[in-house]
Amino acid sequence: MNSITPDAKKVLLINPNQMKPPVAPLALDYLAHALRQNQFGVDILDLCFSADAAQAIDGYLAHNSPVAIGITLRNIDDSFIASQDFFVPELKEITDRLKTRTSAPLILGGSGFSVMPEAILSYCDVDLGLWGEGEYSLPLLIAKIATNQEWRNVPGVVYRSDQGFHRNKPKYLKLSQFTPERDALDNRRYFVEGGMGAVEDKRGCAKGCIYCADPLGKGKQVRLRAPDSVADEIEKLLELGIDHFHFCDGEFNMPEAHAREVCLKLIERGLGSKVRWYAYCSPAPFSDELANLCQRAGCAGIDFGADSGNDSMLRKLGRDFTGDDLRRTADACHRQGIVFMYDLLLGGPGESKKSLRETIELMKRLSPSRVGAAMGIRIFAQTKLATLVQRQGPLTENPNLHGTVEGNDNFFAPLFYLSSALGSDAQGYLGELIAGDERFFFGATGDADQNYNYNENTILVNAIKAGYRGAFWDILRRLAEGLP
């Protein structure tokens, strides 16, 4: 990779995520755009496509001396109780290597990092990070570092001091005019090897789900992009030959009025017949009108975060919809011919064999295209679930906890809540309830047709290599049903 600007104005961004199928590090594309707008040159070292990460780092730094290096952490672990694949040790290997090869400041960030920045900085022995959004703060931080100005007041900065770590409040962007160029990454390669592109049309979530760490990084206030700018970005991806993509918002239909406006803009631009897209959605509100607009705008499938089909469990999980809402959503999708999936988070506080059975029976009656049945809920620090667990007493004495219990009071390493009321073989009981129904994905290992862990999923890798495109769950569905 050749230097394109003087090193005094050069920033290196690193993607350490080597998950396969590859998922494009959308945040780095957006950050590169922001840095360039602030007159920085940007190189991206994408270790996803490197056979040897250490060699790639050494090779770059042998010819470049960036003023700062930003490293993103998208996920802390794979969030599956069966595998518990922890990604932070791999991040530490990369930061350790960098520290032996450069004196440039290392700045950690990303959605995973923002969940527990102090713990990750301490583990990696790195002094500086940014939690929350980086488009405003990262250019400002690097400009101050490069000119020897005071940077400790930059929003979102987390840094080590003599008294420990200090964390500044982040500054969230107004997204109404946000239209990135999408040319910093090799987005075409991610599409060819990962099956889809990615777009974000809003940030923030005001919901109160007890387990969710998303608001920690993206804020609790929902901020919307202008539908025109979303359509502009999609057209840029289409020019690259990327005609399948995923909206990366937590819930595309929140608020529903904005989702309708985005769909109408795609229809107006004639994109509904040119692209195929997927989205995460809340089961409510999801009207027939929105279902119709999604279908006309090119929607290929929707993954609804259902969590449970039992009203009592939904309330305990902090959800604001009911089983009746799941029925209405399913009816709307069936009427409009939309492929859809219900994602379940099973085994949370208060889960019993009765509530689990009711959930699985409801899923079978509603007949979604697929059901993702994840057993056990990953506990993240600063969530309501973490607070609940802490109130239950010592982790080592809690029968509902699985994973790293010893010395893990800050929930840094993978730790899961799985209701002890389900017995010693909760996964086996779930398997009995599913009874071979091919519409269900469950577990992170075992039968390939039911493997719901996308990390190092060779079936998906081979399917995409053979030409399949779209959301991973829908590729697995089409493979199982013999569909192209």
Protein backbone atom coordinates (compact mmCIF):
# COMPACT_ATOMS: atom_id res chain seq x y z
CA MET A 1 0.00 0.00 0.00
CA ASN A 2 1.60 3.25 -1.15
CA SER A 3 1.57 6.44 0.87
CA ILE A 4 -0.77 9.04 -0.64
CA THR A 5 -0.24 11.96 1.76
CA PRO A 6 2.57 13.16 4.02
CA ASP A 7 2.82 10.97 7.11
CA ALA A 8 2.16 13.99 9.34
CA LYS A 9 -1.41 13.93 8.01
CA LYS A 10 -1.79 10.18 7.56
CA VAL A 11 -4.12 8.04 9.69
CA LEU A 12 -4.17 4.26 9.64
CA LEU A 13 -7.45 2.49 10.39
CA ILE A 14 -7.32 -1.25 11.15
CA ASN A 15 -10.07 -3.83 10.90
CA PRO A 16 -9.01 -6.83 13.04
CA ASN A 17 -12.18 -8.85 12.39
CA GLN A 18 -11.32 -12.06 10.53
CA MET A 19 -14.77 -13.64 10.77
CA LYS A 20 -15.84 -15.67 7.76
CA PRO A 21 -18.04 -15.02 5.86
CA PRO A 22 -16.62 -11.50 6.04
CA VAL A 23 -18.79 -8.63 7.26
CA ALA A 24 -17.83 -5.18 5.98
CA PRO A 25 -16.58 -2.85 8.76
CA LEU A 26 -19.10 -0.13 7.91
CA ALA A 27 -17.83 2.12 10.71
CA LEU A 28 -14.37 2.35 9.14
CA ASP A 29 -15.87 3.42 5.80
CA TYR A 30 -17.82 6.16 7.58
CA LEU A 31 -14.81 7.19 9.70
CA ALA A 32 -12.54 7.39 6.65
CA HIS A 33 -15.04 9.77 5.04
CA ALA A 34 -15.03 11.99 8.14
CA LEU A 35 -11.23 12.03 8.34
CA ARG A 36 -10.89 12.96 4.68
CA GLN A 37 -13.35 15.81 5.15
CA ASN A 38 -10.95 17.07 7.83
CA GLN A 39 -7.98 16.94 5.43
CA PHE A 40 -6.44 13.71 6.69
CA GLY A 41 -5.14 11.01 4.41
CA VAL A 42 -6.46 7.60 5.34
CA ASP A 43 -5.15 4.08 4.81
CA ILE A 44 -7.15 1.03 5.85
CA LEU A 45 -5.36 -2.15 6.84
CA ASP A 46 -8.09 -4.76 6.50
CA LEU A 47 -6.87 -7.86 8.30
CA CYS A 48 -10.02 -9.70 7.30
CA PHE A 49 -8.31 -10.52 4.01
CA SER A 50 -4.82 -11.08 5.40
CA ALA A 51 -3.48 -14.60 5.78
CA ASP A 52 -0.92 -13.35 8.30
CA ALA A 53 -1.96 -10.34 10.42
CA ALA A 54 1.51 -9.79 11.90
CA GLN A 55 3.11 -9.81 8.46
CA ALA A 56 0.52 -7.36 7.14
CA ILE A 57 1.16 -4.98 10.05
CA ASP A 58 4.93 -5.20 9.66
CA GLY A 59 4.72 -4.69 5.91
CA TYR A 60 2.62 -1.56 6.23
CA LEU A 61 4.65 0.06 8.99
CA ALA A 62 7.92 -0.65 7.17
CA HIS A 63 6.90 1.97 4.60
CA ASN A 64 4.52 4.29 6.49
CA SER A 65 4.60 6.33 9.69
CA PRO A 66 1.00 7.33 10.44
CA VAL A 67 0.32 10.08 12.94
CA ALA A 68 -2.19 7.81 14.71
CA ILE A 69 -3.71 4.35 14.39
CA GLY A 70 -7.38 3.60 15.00
CA ILE A 71 -8.47 0.00 15.61
CA THR A 72 -12.13 -0.98 15.62
CA LEU A 73 -13.67 -3.79 17.65
CA ARG A 74 -17.08 -4.69 16.24
CA ASN A 75 -17.89 -7.63 18.55
CA ILE A 76 -16.50 -8.71 21.90
CA ASP A 77 -17.48 -12.35 21.33
CA ASP A 78 -19.89 -14.40 19.23
CA SER A 79 -22.62 -14.25 21.94
CA PHE A 80 -23.38 -17.98 21.72
CA ILE A 81 -23.47 -20.01 24.89
CA ALA A 82 -22.31 -23.20 23.13
CA SER A 83 -19.15 -21.74 21.57
CA GLN A 84 -18.29 -18.63 23.65
CA ASP A 85 -15.70 -17.50 21.11
CA PHE A 86 -13.96 -14.49 22.71
CA PHE A 87 -12.44 -11.96 20.28
CA VAL A 88 -10.62 -9.56 22.63
CA PRO A 89 -7.50 -11.76 23.01
CA GLU A 90 -7.05 -11.56 19.21
CA LEU A 91 -7.33 -7.78 19.45
CA LYS A 92 -4.58 -7.79 22.11
CA GLU A 93 -2.27 -9.75 19.82
CA ILE A 94 -2.68 -6.99 17.24
CA THR A 95 -2.15 -4.11 19.68
CA ASP A 96 0.88 -5.88 21.17
CA ARG A 97 2.37 -6.19 17.69
CA LEU A 98 1.69 -2.56 16.88
CA LYS A 99 3.37 -1.37 20.08
CA THR A 100 6.60 -3.10 19.06
CA ARG A 101 6.56 -1.60 15.57
CA THR A 102 5.42 2.03 16.00
CA SER A 103 5.33 4.90 18.48
CA ALA A 104 2.12 6.28 16.94
CA PRO A 105 -0.73 6.50 19.46
CA LEU A 106 -3.18 3.61 19.31
CA ILE A 107 -6.86 4.55 19.56
CA LEU A 108 -9.36 1.76 20.17
CA GLY A 109 -13.02 2.17 19.19
CA GLY A 110 -16.02 0.46 17.64
CA SER A 111 -19.38 -0.83 18.78
CA GLY A 112 -17.89 -3.72 20.75
CA PHE A 113 -15.31 -1.52 22.41
CA SER A 114 -17.99 0.99 23.44
CA VAL A 115 -19.71 -1.64 25.59
CA MET A 116 -16.81 -1.85 28.05
CA PRO A 117 -14.02 0.52 27.01
CA GLU A 118 -12.06 0.63 30.29
CA ALA A 119 -11.94 -3.15 30.62
CA ILE A 120 -10.74 -3.58 27.03
CA LEU A 121 -8.11 -0.84 27.31
CA SER A 122 -6.83 -2.38 30.53
CA TYR A 123 -6.70 -5.89 29.07
CA CYS A 124 -4.88 -4.70 25.93
CA ASP A 125 -2.63 -2.33 27.93
CA VAL A 126 -3.59 0.58 25.68
CA ASP A 127 -4.06 4.09 27.06
CA LEU A 128 -6.53 5.68 24.67
CA GLY A 129 -9.89 4.97 23.09
CA LEU A 130 -13.12 6.51 21.79
CA TRP A 131 -16.51 5.22 22.83
CA GLY A 132 -19.66 6.06 20.93
CA GLU A 133 -19.52 7.66 17.52
CA GLY A 134 -16.18 8.64 16.05
CA GLU A 135 -16.98 10.79 13.02
CA TYR A 136 -16.79 14.00 15.03
CA SER A 137 -14.38 13.04 17.79
CA LEU A 138 -11.72 11.05 15.94
CA PRO A 139 -10.64 13.82 13.50
CA LEU A 140 -10.65 16.32 16.38
CA LEU A 141 -8.62 14.02 18.65
CA ILE A 142 -6.01 13.26 16.00
CA ALA A 143 -5.70 16.92 14.98
CA LYS A 144 -4.99 17.87 18.60
CA ILE A 145 -2.51 15.02 19.05
CA ALA A 146 -0.70 15.94 15.83
CA THR A 147 -0.33 19.59 16.86
CA ASN A 148 0.51 18.93 20.52
CA GLN A 149 -2.72 20.53 21.77
CA GLU A 150 -4.68 19.46 24.84
CA TRP A 151 -6.91 16.56 23.76
CA ARG A 152 -8.29 15.25 27.06
CA ASN A 153 -11.48 17.31 26.67
CA VAL A 154 -12.45 15.73 23.33
CA PRO A 155 -15.96 14.18 23.54
CA GLY A 156 -16.02 10.41 23.83
CA VAL A 157 -12.37 10.04 24.76
CA VAL A 158 -11.43 7.32 27.26
CA TYR A 159 -7.91 7.63 28.60
CA ARG A 160 -5.66 6.35 31.34
CA SER A 161 -4.59 8.78 34.04
CA ASP A 162 -2.78 8.46 37.37
CA GLN A 163 -6.18 7.94 39.01
CA GLY A 164 -7.27 5.24 36.54
CA PHE A 165 -9.36 5.58 33.42
CA HIS A 166 -11.40 8.68 32.66
CA ARG A 167 -14.31 8.72 30.21
CA ASN A 168 -15.75 11.83 28.53
CA LYS A 169 -19.34 12.03 27.38
CA PRO A 170 -19.65 11.40 23.63
CA LYS A 171 -21.01 13.83 21.07
CA TYR A 172 -23.66 12.39 18.79
CA LEU A 173 -24.02 13.57 15.22
CA LYS A 174 -26.99 15.14 13.53
CA LEU A 175 -27.42 12.65 10.72
CA SER A 176 -29.81 14.58 8.46
CA GLN A 177 -27.03 15.50 6.00
CA PHE A 178 -24.81 12.46 6.49
CA THR A 179 -23.86 10.98 3.08
CA PRO A 180 -20.53 9.12 3.07
CA GLU A 181 -18.66 8.34 -0.14
CA ARG A 182 -18.32 4.58 0.53
CA ASP A 183 -15.01 4.31 -1.33
CA ALA A 184 -12.53 3.68 1.49
CA LEU A 185 -13.15 -0.06 1.81
CA ASP A 186 -13.04 -2.77 -0.83
CA ASN A 187 -16.83 -2.98 -0.63
CA ARG A 188 -17.02 -4.98 -3.83
CA ARG A 189 -14.84 -7.72 -2.35
CA TYR A 190 -16.96 -7.82 0.79
CA PHE A 191 -20.00 -8.29 -1.42
CA VAL A 192 -18.40 -11.06 -3.47
CA GLU A 193 -17.09 -12.95 -0.42
CA GLY A 194 -19.67 -11.88 2.17
CA GLY A 195 -22.85 -11.88 0.09
CA MET A 196 -24.15 -8.39 0.88
CA GLY A 197 -23.33 -4.76 1.47
CA ALA A 198 -24.35 -2.61 4.44
CA VAL A 199 -26.12 0.72 4.99
CA GLU A 200 -27.17 2.58 8.13
CA ASP A 201 -30.22 4.86 8.04
CA LYS A 202 -30.44 5.85 11.71
CA ARG A 203 -28.64 5.56 15.04
CA GLY A 204 -29.72 5.31 18.65
CA CYS A 205 -32.42 3.38 20.47
CA ALA A 206 -34.83 4.55 23.16
CA LYS A 207 -36.06 1.05 24.05
CA GLY A 208 -35.59 -0.54 27.45
CA CYS A 209 -34.52 -4.13 26.62
CA ILE A 210 -32.72 -5.43 29.71
CA TYR A 211 -29.93 -7.20 27.81
CA CYS A 212 -29.10 -4.77 24.99
CA ALA A 213 -25.79 -2.89 24.91
CA ASP A 214 -26.54 -1.03 21.67
CA PRO A 215 -27.54 2.26 23.38
CA LEU A 216 -24.16 2.34 25.14
CA GLY A 217 -22.42 3.12 21.88
CA LYS A 218 -25.10 4.71 19.74
CA GLY A 219 -27.07 6.61 22.37
CA LYS A 220 -30.66 6.45 23.54
CA GLN A 221 -31.93 9.21 21.27
CA VAL A 222 -33.00 8.06 17.80
CA ARG A 223 -31.35 10.17 15.11
CA LEU A 224 -32.54 9.83 11.53
CA ARG A 225 -30.78 10.20 8.21
CA ALA A 226 -32.55 11.98 5.37
CA PRO A 227 -34.20 9.42 3.05
CA ASP A 228 -32.55 11.13 0.07
CA SER A 229 -29.08 10.58 1.53
CA VAL A 230 -29.88 6.91 2.22
CA ALA A 231 -30.97 6.46 -1.38
CA ASP A 232 -27.82 8.27 -2.57
CA GLU A 233 -25.66 5.84 -0.62
CA ILE A 234 -27.51 2.83 -1.98
CA GLU A 235 -27.01 4.12 -5.52
CA LYS A 236 -23.27 4.42 -4.83
CA LEU A 237 -23.19 0.78 -3.76
CA LEU A 238 -25.20 -0.21 -6.81
CA GLU A 239 -22.62 1.49 -9.03
CA LEU A 240 -20.06 -0.89 -7.49
CA GLY A 241 -22.21 -3.86 -8.46
CA ILE A 242 -23.56 -4.34 -4.93
CA ASP A 243 -27.25 -5.10 -5.35
CA HIS A 244 -27.92 -6.95 -2.06
CA PHE A 245 -27.48 -5.15 1.24
CA HIS A 246 -28.57 -5.06 4.86
CA PHE A 247 -29.85 -2.10 6.86
CA CYS A 248 -27.70 -2.21 9.99
CA ASP A 249 -30.04 -0.24 12.25
CA GLY A 250 -31.17 -2.07 15.35
CA GLU A 251 -34.80 -1.71 14.22
CA PHE A 252 -35.53 -0.39 10.73
CA ASN A 253 -39.20 0.34 11.54
CA MET A 254 -38.53 2.53 14.57
CA PRO A 255 -40.04 5.02 13.94
CA GLU A 256 -42.34 3.51 11.34
CA ALA A 257 -42.94 6.85 9.62
CA HIS A 258 -39.23 7.13 8.76
CA ALA A 259 -39.15 3.57 7.43
CA ARG A 260 -42.08 4.43 5.16
CA GLU A 261 -40.27 7.54 3.91
CA VAL A 262 -37.11 5.55 3.12
CA CYS A 263 -39.13 2.94 1.23
CA LEU A 264 -41.00 5.61 -0.71
CA LYS A 265 -37.71 7.24 -1.69
CA LEU A 266 -36.32 3.93 -2.95
CA ILE A 267 -39.50 3.38 -4.95
CA GLU A 268 -39.37 6.92 -6.34
CA ARG A 269 -35.77 6.39 -7.48
CA GLY A 270 -36.72 3.13 -9.21
CA LEU A 271 -34.46 1.14 -6.89
CA GLY A 272 -37.10 -1.36 -5.80
CA SER A 273 -36.54 -3.44 -8.93
CA LYS A 274 -32.75 -3.12 -8.86
CA VAL A 275 -31.76 -4.00 -5.30
CA ARG A 276 -32.65 -6.63 -2.73
CA TRP A 277 -32.32 -5.66 0.91
CA TYR A 278 -32.81 -7.02 4.41
CA ALA A 279 -33.48 -5.36 7.74
CA TYR A 280 -33.84 -5.94 11.46
CA CYS A 281 -37.25 -4.82 12.71
CA SER A 282 -39.30 -4.67 15.87
CA PRO A 283 -42.47 -6.79 15.69
CA ALA A 284 -44.46 -3.63 16.44
CA PRO A 285 -45.35 -1.29 14.95
CA PHE A 286 -45.41 -3.12 11.62
CA SER A 287 -48.46 -2.24 9.57
CA ASP A 288 -49.78 -3.69 6.33
CA GLU A 289 -48.89 -0.37 4.71
CA LEU A 290 -45.24 -0.68 5.73
CA ALA A 291 -45.13 -4.33 4.67
CA ASN A 292 -46.44 -3.34 1.23
CA LEU A 293 -43.95 -0.49 0.89
CA CYS A 294 -41.05 -2.74 1.94
CA GLN A 295 -42.02 -5.27 -0.70
CA ARG A 296 -42.27 -2.61 -3.41
CA ALA A 297 -38.96 -1.02 -2.34
CA GLY A 298 -37.00 -4.25 -2.84
CA CYS A 299 -37.15 -5.92 0.57
CA ALA A 300 -36.00 -9.53 0.36
CA GLY A 301 -36.43 -10.44 4.02
CA ILE A 302 -36.93 -9.13 7.55
CA ASP A 303 -35.48 -10.40 10.82
CA PHE A 304 -37.84 -9.49 13.66
CA GLY A 305 -36.41 -9.36 17.19
CA ALA A 306 -39.24 -11.32 18.80
CA ASP A 307 -37.25 -12.66 21.81
CA SER A 308 -40.22 -14.67 23.15
CA GLY A 309 -43.81 -15.58 22.43
CA ASN A 310 -44.82 -15.47 26.07
CA ASP A 311 -46.20 -12.12 27.26
CA SER A 312 -44.79 -12.46 30.77
CA MET A 313 -41.30 -13.15 29.43
CA LEU A 314 -41.56 -10.23 27.00
CA ARG A 315 -42.30 -7.89 29.91
CA LYS A 316 -39.38 -9.29 31.93
CA LEU A 317 -37.05 -8.75 28.97
CA GLY A 318 -38.19 -5.13 28.72
CA ARG A 319 -40.02 -5.53 25.40
CA ASP A 320 -43.04 -3.35 24.63
CA PHE A 321 -45.03 -5.70 22.41
CA THR A 322 -47.06 -8.89 22.94
CA GLY A 323 -47.74 -12.23 21.34
CA ASP A 324 -50.72 -10.65 19.59
CA ASP A 325 -48.33 -8.20 17.92
CA LEU A 326 -46.29 -11.15 16.67
CA ARG A 327 -49.46 -12.59 15.12
CA ARG A 328 -50.32 -9.32 13.39
CA THR A 329 -46.79 -8.95 12.03
CA ALA A 330 -46.77 -12.51 10.73
CA ASP A 331 -50.15 -11.97 9.04
CA ALA A 332 -48.89 -8.79 7.35
CA CYS A 333 -45.78 -10.53 6.03
CA HIS A 334 -47.75 -13.53 4.79
CA ARG A 335 -50.23 -11.27 2.99
CA GLN A 336 -47.45 -9.29 1.29
CA GLY A 337 -45.32 -12.33 0.50
CA ILE A 338 -42.37 -11.13 2.60
CA VAL A 339 -39.83 -13.72 3.74
CA PHE A 340 -39.34 -13.18 7.46
CA MET A 341 -37.67 -14.59 10.53
CA TYR A 342 -38.41 -14.38 14.24
CA ASP A 343 -35.31 -14.18 16.44
CA LEU A 344 -35.73 -15.60 19.96
CA LEU A 345 -33.62 -14.99 23.08
CA LEU A 346 -34.52 -17.89 25.33
CA GLY A 347 -33.67 -18.71 28.93
CA GLY A 348 -33.82 -15.22 30.41
CA PRO A 349 -34.89 -14.34 33.96
CA GLY A 350 -38.12 -16.13 34.80
CA GLU A 351 -38.05 -18.52 31.83
CA SER A 352 -39.70 -21.85 32.63
CA LYS A 353 -40.39 -24.98 30.65
CA LYS A 354 -43.99 -23.79 30.31
CA SER A 355 -43.08 -20.35 28.91
CA LEU A 356 -40.51 -21.89 26.57
CA ARG A 357 -43.05 -24.43 25.30
CA GLU A 358 -45.63 -21.68 24.69
CA THR A 359 -43.09 -19.68 22.70
CA ILE A 360 -42.12 -22.58 20.43
CA GLU A 361 -45.76 -23.56 19.91
CA LEU A 362 -46.62 -19.98 18.91
CA MET A 363 -43.73 -19.87 16.44
CA LYS A 364 -44.99 -23.04 14.78
CA ARG A 365 -48.52 -21.64 14.49
CA LEU A 366 -47.36 -18.30 13.05
CA SER A 367 -45.15 -20.11 10.52
CA PRO A 368 -42.39 -17.59 9.84
CA SER A 369 -39.92 -18.51 7.12
CA ARG A 370 -37.33 -19.19 9.81
CA VAL A 371 -36.96 -18.98 13.60
CA GLY A 372 -33.65 -18.30 15.31
CA ALA A 373 -33.73 -19.93 18.74
CA ALA A 374 -30.74 -18.76 20.79
CA MET A 375 -30.54 -20.34 24.23
CA GLY A 376 -28.92 -18.20 26.92
CA ILE A 377 -28.48 -14.42 26.99
CA ARG A 378 -25.03 -12.80 27.00
CA ILE A 379 -24.71 -10.43 29.97
CA PHE A 380 -23.04 -7.10 29.22
CA ALA A 381 -21.90 -4.57 31.79
CA GLN A 382 -24.07 -1.46 32.28
CA THR A 383 -27.24 -3.23 31.13
CA LYS A 384 -30.31 -3.86 33.28
CA LEU A 385 -29.62 -7.58 33.09
CA ALA A 386 -26.16 -7.05 34.59
CA THR A 387 -27.70 -5.03 37.42
CA LEU A 388 -30.27 -7.76 38.07
CA VAL A 389 -27.55 -10.43 38.22
CA GLN A 390 -25.43 -8.35 40.58
CA ARG A 391 -28.40 -8.01 42.92
CA GLN A 392 -28.76 -11.80 43.01
CA GLY A 393 -25.51 -12.15 44.91
CA PRO A 394 -22.06 -13.58 44.12
CA LEU A 395 -21.71 -14.78 40.54
CA THR A 396 -20.10 -18.03 41.67
CA GLU A 397 -23.25 -18.92 43.65
CA ASN A 398 -25.78 -18.04 40.94
CA PRO A 399 -27.26 -21.21 39.36
CA ASN A 400 -28.47 -19.25 36.33
CA LEU A 401 -25.00 -18.30 35.07
CA HIS A 402 -22.92 -20.14 32.48
CA GLY A 403 -19.52 -19.28 31.06
CA THR A 404 -16.69 -17.42 32.77
CA VAL A 405 -17.89 -16.91 36.35
CA GLU A 406 -14.67 -16.75 38.37
CA GLY A 407 -13.06 -13.29 38.44
CA ASN A 408 -15.56 -11.90 35.95
CA ASP A 409 -17.55 -9.45 38.07
CA ASN A 410 -17.39 -6.84 35.28
CA PHE A 411 -18.86 -9.33 32.74
CA PHE A 412 -15.80 -8.87 30.52
CA ALA A 413 -15.43 -12.49 29.38
CA PRO A 414 -18.44 -14.35 27.93
CA LEU A 415 -21.06 -14.94 30.62
CA PHE A 416 -24.64 -16.01 29.97
CA TYR A 417 -27.93 -16.04 31.82
CA LEU A 418 -29.81 -19.32 31.41
CA SER A 419 -32.73 -19.87 33.77
CA SER A 420 -32.06 -22.81 36.07
CA ALA A 421 -35.80 -23.57 35.96
CA LEU A 422 -35.19 -25.13 32.53
CA GLY A 423 -33.19 -27.93 34.11
CA SER A 424 -29.72 -29.29 33.41
CA ASP A 425 -30.33 -29.90 29.69
CA ALA A 426 -32.14 -26.82 28.48
CA GLN A 427 -30.77 -27.22 24.94
CA GLY A 428 -32.01 -30.80 24.84
CA TYR A 429 -35.48 -29.72 25.99
CA LEU A 430 -35.52 -27.05 23.30
CA GLY A 431 -34.61 -29.70 20.74
CA GLU A 432 -37.55 -31.85 21.92
CA LEU A 433 -39.93 -28.91 21.49
CA ILE A 434 -38.62 -28.07 18.02
CA ALA A 435 -38.92 -31.78 17.13
CA GLY A 436 -36.96 -31.58 13.89
CA ASP A 437 -38.90 -28.64 12.44
CA GLU A 438 -36.52 -27.42 9.71
CA ARG A 439 -37.71 -23.83 10.09
CA PHE A 440 -35.73 -23.52 13.34
CA PHE A 441 -32.08 -22.57 13.72
CA PHE A 442 -30.70 -23.38 17.15
CA GLY A 443 -27.33 -23.87 18.74
CA ALA A 444 -23.88 -22.67 17.70
CA THR A 445 -22.47 -26.08 16.89
CA GLY A 446 -23.83 -29.46 15.86
CA ASP A 447 -26.02 -30.13 12.82
CA ALA A 448 -24.99 -27.86 9.98
CA ASP A 449 -28.56 -27.23 8.85
CA GLN A 450 -29.44 -25.83 12.28
CA ASN A 451 -26.17 -24.02 13.05
CA TYR A 452 -27.13 -20.46 13.94
CA ASN A 453 -23.59 -19.20 14.50
CA TYR A 454 -22.36 -17.23 11.49
CA ASN A 455 -18.76 -17.13 12.74
CA GLU A 456 -16.52 -19.43 10.66
CA ASN A 457 -19.58 -20.95 8.97
CA THR A 458 -18.14 -22.93 6.06
CA ILE A 459 -21.59 -23.72 4.65
CA LEU A 460 -22.23 -20.01 4.20
CA VAL A 461 -18.73 -19.37 2.84
CA ASN A 462 -19.18 -22.04 0.18
CA ALA A 463 -22.72 -20.93 -0.69
CA ILE A 464 -21.60 -17.33 -1.23
CA LYS A 465 -18.67 -18.55 -3.29
CA ALA A 466 -21.21 -20.41 -5.43
CA GLY A 467 -23.16 -17.19 -6.03
CA TYR A 468 -25.68 -16.92 -3.18
CA ARG A 469 -26.37 -13.39 -1.99
CA GLY A 470 -28.33 -11.90 0.91
CA ALA A 471 -28.66 -12.12 4.68
CA PHE A 472 -26.95 -15.15 6.14
CA TRP A 473 -30.16 -16.57 7.62
CA ASP A 474 -31.91 -16.33 4.26
CA ILE A 475 -29.03 -18.00 2.42
CA LEU A 476 -29.26 -20.91 4.87
CA ARG A 477 -33.04 -21.02 4.34
CA ARG A 478 -32.72 -21.16 0.57
CA LEU A 479 -30.02 -23.82 0.77
CA ALA A 480 -32.24 -26.01 2.97
CA GLU A 481 -35.21 -25.54 0.64
CA GLY A 482 -33.22 -26.04 -2.54
CA LEU A 483 -33.86 -22.48 -3.72
CA PRO A 484 -31.38 -20.32 -5.68
